[in-house]
Amino acid sequence: MGEPAARHLKPAVLEPGGKNAVLVLADAGVGYAVGAVTFSVFMNAGQIRMSGDRILVRDGHGGRR
């Protein structure tokens, strides 16, 4: 949205959406991943745009859970 507005010299105020994904790869340490996701979801009670709203986990067999 910002690029078309700039192209036509129109003012625009953009705010990030906040639907962030946390990617957990197959070789990640489970304990570390759980701690990082918990921190992401609960720290600052969603008041900043860093909350992990979607957690995508890759299993060791190349599929998704």
C-alpha atoms as a PDB file:
ATOM      1  CA  MET A   1       0.000   0.000   0.000  1.00  0.00           C
ATOM      2  CA  GLY A   2       2.861   2.366   0.690  1.00  0.00           C
ATOM      3  CA  GLU A   3       4.421   2.072  -2.762  1.00  0.00           C
ATOM      4  CA  PRO A   4       1.287   3.102  -4.755  1.00  0.00           C
ATOM      5  CA  ALA A   5       0.679   5.999  -2.355  1.00  0.00           C
ATOM      6  CA  ALA A   6       4.264   7.205  -2.761  1.00  0.00           C
ATOM      7  CA  ARG A   7       4.092   6.845  -6.531  1.00  0.00           C
ATOM      8  CA  HIS A   8       1.159   9.266  -6.611  1.00  0.00           C
ATOM      9  CA  LEU A   9       2.542  11.505  -3.818  1.00  0.00           C
ATOM     10  CA  LYS A  10      -0.398  10.683  -1.533  1.00  0.00           C
ATOM     11  CA  PRO A  11       0.140  10.725   2.229  1.00  0.00           C
ATOM     12  CA  ALA A  12      -0.319   7.362   3.904  1.00  0.00           C
ATOM     13  CA  VAL A  13      -0.046   6.141   7.485  1.00  0.00           C
ATOM     14  CA  LEU A  14       0.813   2.455   7.618  1.00  0.00           C
ATOM     15  CA  GLU A  15       0.758   0.251  10.689  1.00  0.00           C
ATOM     16  CA  PRO A  16       2.132  -3.307  10.758  1.00  0.00           C
ATOM     17  CA  GLY A  17      -0.543  -5.964  11.065  1.00  0.00           C
ATOM     18  CA  GLY A  18       0.959  -7.946  13.918  1.00  0.00           C
ATOM     19  CA  LYS A  19       0.067 -11.416  12.613  1.00  0.00           C
ATOM     20  CA  ASN A  20       3.583 -12.733  13.052  1.00  0.00           C
ATOM     21  CA  ALA A  21       4.589 -16.332  12.525  1.00  0.00           C
ATOM     22  CA  VAL A  22       7.062 -18.219  14.674  1.00  0.00           C
ATOM     23  CA  LEU A  23       8.922 -20.849  12.657  1.00  0.00           C
ATOM     24  CA  VAL A  24      10.176 -23.892  14.567  1.00  0.00           C
ATOM     25  CA  LEU A  25      12.466 -25.992  12.388  1.00  0.00           C
ATOM     26  CA  ALA A  26      13.076 -29.728  12.752  1.00  0.00           C
ATOM     27  CA  ASP A  27      16.520 -29.256  14.314  1.00  0.00           C
ATOM     28  CA  ALA A  28      15.357 -26.736  16.945  1.00  0.00           C
ATOM     29  CA  GLY A  29      15.669 -27.567  20.617  1.00  0.00           C
ATOM     30  CA  VAL A  30      12.133 -28.198  21.876  1.00  0.00           C
ATOM     31  CA  GLY A  31      12.706 -26.555  25.261  1.00  0.00           C
ATOM     32  CA  TYR A  32      14.186 -23.429  23.694  1.00  0.00           C
ATOM     33  CA  ALA A  33      11.403 -23.228  21.110  1.00  0.00           C
ATOM     34  CA  VAL A  34       8.677 -23.525  23.767  1.00  0.00           C
ATOM     35  CA  GLY A  35      10.321 -20.792  25.847  1.00  0.00           C
ATOM     36  CA  ALA A  36      10.711 -18.480  22.850  1.00  0.00           C
ATOM     37  CA  VAL A  37       7.106 -18.975  21.730  1.00  0.00           C
ATOM     38  CA  THR A  38       5.785 -18.454  25.263  1.00  0.00           C
ATOM     39  CA  PHE A  39       7.819 -15.260  25.602  1.00  0.00           C
ATOM     40  CA  SER A  40       6.604 -14.030  22.208  1.00  0.00           C
ATOM     41  CA  VAL A  41       2.931 -14.645  22.963  1.00  0.00           C
ATOM     42  CA  PHE A  42       2.728 -13.361  26.544  1.00  0.00           C
ATOM     43  CA  MET A  43       5.402 -10.650  26.834  1.00  0.00           C
ATOM     44  CA  ASN A  44       3.869  -7.157  26.830  1.00  0.00           C
ATOM     45  CA  ALA A  45       0.348  -8.677  26.650  1.00  0.00           C
ATOM     46  CA  GLY A  46       0.026  -8.041  22.916  1.00  0.00           C
ATOM     47  CA  GLN A  47       0.695  -4.316  23.285  1.00  0.00           C
ATOM     48  CA  ILE A  48       3.494  -4.351  20.723  1.00  0.00           C
ATOM     49  CA  ARG A  49       3.641  -5.861  17.247  1.00  0.00           C
ATOM     50  CA  MET A  50       5.925  -8.747  18.217  1.00  0.00           C
ATOM     51  CA  SER A  51       3.408 -11.319  19.382  1.00  0.00           C
ATOM     52  CA  GLY A  52       3.699 -14.715  17.744  1.00  0.00           C
ATOM     53  CA  ASP A  53       0.147 -15.378  16.616  1.00  0.00           C
ATOM     54  CA  ARG A  54       0.896 -18.366  14.386  1.00  0.00           C
ATOM     55  CA  ILE A  55       3.334 -21.129  15.324  1.00  0.00           C
ATOM     56  CA  LEU A  56       4.531 -23.219  12.382  1.00  0.00           C
ATOM     57  CA  VAL A  57       6.398 -26.400  13.332  1.00  0.00           C
ATOM     58  CA  ARG A  58       8.392 -28.497  10.864  1.00  0.00           C
ATOM     59  CA  ASP A  59       8.716 -32.104  11.957  1.00  0.00           C
ATOM     60  CA  GLY A  60      11.762 -34.266  11.376  1.00  0.00           C
ATOM     61  CA  HIS A  61      10.182 -36.041   8.384  1.00  0.00           C
ATOM     62  CA  GLY A  62       9.760 -32.978   6.165  1.00  0.00           C
ATOM     63  CA  GLY A  63       6.069 -32.509   6.878  1.00  0.00           C
ATOM     64  CA  ARG A  64       4.220 -29.887   8.890  1.00  0.00           C
ATOM     65  CA  ARG A  65       2.330 -30.242  12.147  1.00  0.00           C
END
